[in-house]
């Protein structure tokens, strides 16, 4: 094998050549931004944008409609669950909230598992006290704790 080095090819662009001994009159930032014309750099044009800021908490409340509830009941249940205790959040049938979305919000807010069963939100674990405080914080007017 020979130890002869290969010569590098020069890369050429529009009107200029990049090499080891040549100077380039454009900045790299100008090349990437594309604000170059034939005479040189163009001044940046300020753009005014209106940004509407919406809080994440109010957006989540609007998705499930939990703040519109006036009364919610909480029950501890163990029947049919292999001895495990769950907390059932009983929402009135006539309310038109999204129960799947409510279960998801409670799952994230309380740090527990949750699912919807027979129109009720089931929270895994005996967390009636935490669920009561969370519901009151979210705007439910009355929370009734049952057995």
Protein backbone atom coordinates (compact mmCIF):
# COMPACT_ATOMS: atom_id res chain seq x y z
CA UNK A 1 0.00 0.00 0.00
CA UNK A 2 1.22 3.43 -0.82
CA UNK A 3 1.16 6.26 1.64
CA UNK A 4 0.32 8.93 -0.89
CA UNK A 5 -2.22 11.47 0.27
CA UNK A 6 -5.12 12.27 -1.98
CA UNK A 7 -5.56 15.88 -3.03
CA UNK A 8 -8.75 17.55 -1.79
CA UNK A 9 -11.13 18.89 -4.34
CA UNK A 10 -12.19 22.48 -3.93
CA UNK A 11 -15.87 23.18 -3.50
CA UNK A 12 -17.15 25.94 -5.69
CA UNK A 13 -20.39 27.89 -5.40
CA UNK A 14 -21.94 30.83 -7.15
CA UNK A 15 -19.10 33.17 -8.01
CA UNK A 16 -16.72 32.09 -5.28
CA UNK A 17 -14.47 29.17 -4.48
CA UNK A 18 -13.77 27.80 -1.03
CA UNK A 19 -10.16 26.87 -0.48
CA UNK A 20 -7.49 26.98 2.19
CA UNK A 21 -5.96 30.35 1.20
CA UNK A 22 -9.03 32.28 0.09
CA UNK A 23 -11.13 34.66 2.17
CA UNK A 24 -14.87 34.54 2.14
CA UNK A 25 -16.77 37.79 2.58
CA UNK A 26 -20.03 36.33 3.93
CA UNK A 27 -20.82 35.14 7.39
CA UNK A 28 -22.07 31.63 7.91
CA UNK A 29 -25.21 32.95 9.62
CA UNK A 30 -26.05 35.00 6.54
CA UNK A 31 -25.70 31.92 4.37
CA UNK A 32 -28.02 29.87 6.54
CA UNK A 33 -30.63 32.61 6.93
CA UNK A 34 -30.64 33.32 3.22
CA UNK A 35 -30.69 37.12 3.62
CA UNK A 36 -28.02 37.72 0.99
CA UNK A 37 -28.44 39.63 -2.24
CA UNK A 38 -25.92 40.58 -4.95
CA UNK A 39 -24.73 43.70 -3.11
CA UNK A 40 -24.30 42.08 0.30
CA UNK A 41 -26.49 41.54 3.33
CA UNK A 42 -30.07 42.72 3.57
CA UNK A 43 -31.18 44.29 6.85
CA UNK A 44 -33.48 42.06 8.93
CA UNK A 45 -37.16 42.95 8.72
CA UNK A 46 -38.88 43.01 12.11
CA UNK A 47 -42.09 40.99 12.19
CA UNK A 48 -44.87 41.68 14.63
CA UNK A 49 -46.77 38.64 15.82
CA UNK A 50 -49.70 38.53 18.19
CA UNK A 51 -49.56 35.56 20.51
CA UNK A 52 -52.61 34.46 22.47
CA UNK A 53 -51.58 32.90 25.76
CA UNK A 54 -53.92 30.34 27.24
CA UNK A 55 -53.21 28.62 30.53
CA UNK A 56 -52.96 24.86 30.52
CA UNK A 57 -55.20 24.45 33.57
CA UNK A 58 -58.11 26.39 32.07
CA UNK A 59 -57.73 24.46 28.83
CA UNK A 60 -57.99 21.15 30.64
CA UNK A 61 -61.01 22.30 32.62
CA UNK A 62 -62.75 23.27 29.40
CA UNK A 63 -62.07 19.85 27.88
CA UNK A 64 -63.90 17.79 30.51
CA UNK A 65 -66.20 20.51 31.92
CA UNK A 66 -65.41 19.66 35.55
CA UNK A 67 -65.83 23.26 36.74
CA UNK A 68 -69.52 23.19 35.69
CA UNK A 69 -70.38 20.38 38.12
CA UNK A 70 -72.38 21.34 41.19
CA UNK A 71 -72.33 18.00 43.03
CA UNK A 72 -70.09 14.93 42.92
CA UNK A 73 -70.21 11.87 45.19
CA UNK A 74 -67.23 9.78 46.27
CA UNK A 75 -67.53 6.14 47.40
CA UNK A 76 -65.05 3.53 48.61
CA UNK A 77 -65.65 0.15 46.95
CA UNK A 78 -64.04 -3.27 47.36
CA UNK A 79 -66.73 -5.62 46.04
CA UNK A 80 -65.72 -7.59 42.97
CA UNK A 81 -62.18 -6.26 42.90
CA UNK A 82 -60.24 -9.03 44.60
CA UNK A 83 -60.02 -7.22 47.95
CA UNK A 84 -58.52 -4.07 46.44
CA UNK A 85 -60.04 -0.74 47.43
CA UNK A 86 -61.03 1.77 44.77
CA UNK A 87 -62.62 5.20 44.93
CA UNK A 88 -65.67 5.73 42.72
CA UNK A 89 -66.39 9.28 41.55
CA UNK A 90 -70.12 9.34 40.86
CA UNK A 91 -71.11 12.13 38.50
CA UNK A 92 -74.84 12.85 37.91
CA UNK A 93 -76.16 11.12 34.79
CA UNK A 94 -77.73 14.31 33.38
CA UNK A 95 -74.39 16.15 33.33
CA UNK A 96 -72.78 16.19 29.90
CA UNK A 97 -69.12 16.14 30.91
CA UNK A 98 -66.59 13.93 29.16
CA UNK A 99 -66.00 11.14 31.65
CA UNK A 100 -62.98 9.76 29.78
CA UNK A 101 -61.31 13.17 29.88
CA UNK A 102 -62.20 13.57 33.57
CA UNK A 103 -60.60 10.19 34.32
CA UNK A 104 -57.46 11.24 32.48
CA UNK A 105 -57.26 14.57 34.35
CA UNK A 106 -57.76 12.88 37.72
CA UNK A 107 -55.16 10.24 36.85
CA UNK A 108 -52.58 12.92 36.18
CA UNK A 109 -53.61 15.22 39.02
CA UNK A 110 -53.77 12.56 41.72
CA UNK A 111 -51.02 10.23 40.53
CA UNK A 112 -53.13 7.08 40.43
CA UNK A 113 -54.76 4.80 37.89
CA UNK A 114 -58.25 5.60 36.68
CA UNK A 115 -60.85 4.34 34.23
CA UNK A 116 -64.54 4.73 33.43
CA UNK A 117 -66.95 1.97 34.45
CA UNK A 118 -70.75 2.20 34.10
CA UNK A 119 -70.62 5.99 33.76
CA UNK A 120 -68.54 6.46 36.92
CA UNK A 121 -64.87 7.33 37.15
CA UNK A 122 -62.98 4.69 39.15
CA UNK A 123 -59.75 5.74 40.88
CA UNK A 124 -57.39 2.99 41.99
CA UNK A 125 -56.70 3.13 45.72
CA UNK A 126 -58.34 4.53 48.82
CA UNK A 127 -57.83 8.21 47.99
CA UNK A 128 -61.18 9.80 48.89
CA UNK A 129 -59.55 12.64 50.82
CA UNK A 130 -57.14 13.56 48.04
CA UNK A 131 -59.86 13.27 45.39
CA UNK A 132 -62.18 15.52 47.43
CA UNK A 133 -59.56 18.26 47.74
CA UNK A 134 -58.63 17.98 44.06
CA UNK A 135 -62.27 18.28 42.95
CA UNK A 136 -62.88 21.31 45.18
CA UNK A 137 -59.72 22.94 43.83
CA UNK A 138 -60.95 22.41 40.26
CA UNK A 139 -64.22 24.23 40.95
CA UNK A 140 -66.77 21.58 41.96
CA UNK A 141 -69.18 23.26 44.38
CA UNK A 142 -70.12 20.26 46.57
CA UNK A 143 -68.33 16.95 47.11
CA UNK A 144 -70.18 14.28 49.10
CA UNK A 145 -68.07 11.48 50.62
CA UNK A 146 -69.99 8.24 51.11
CA UNK A 147 -68.93 4.83 52.36
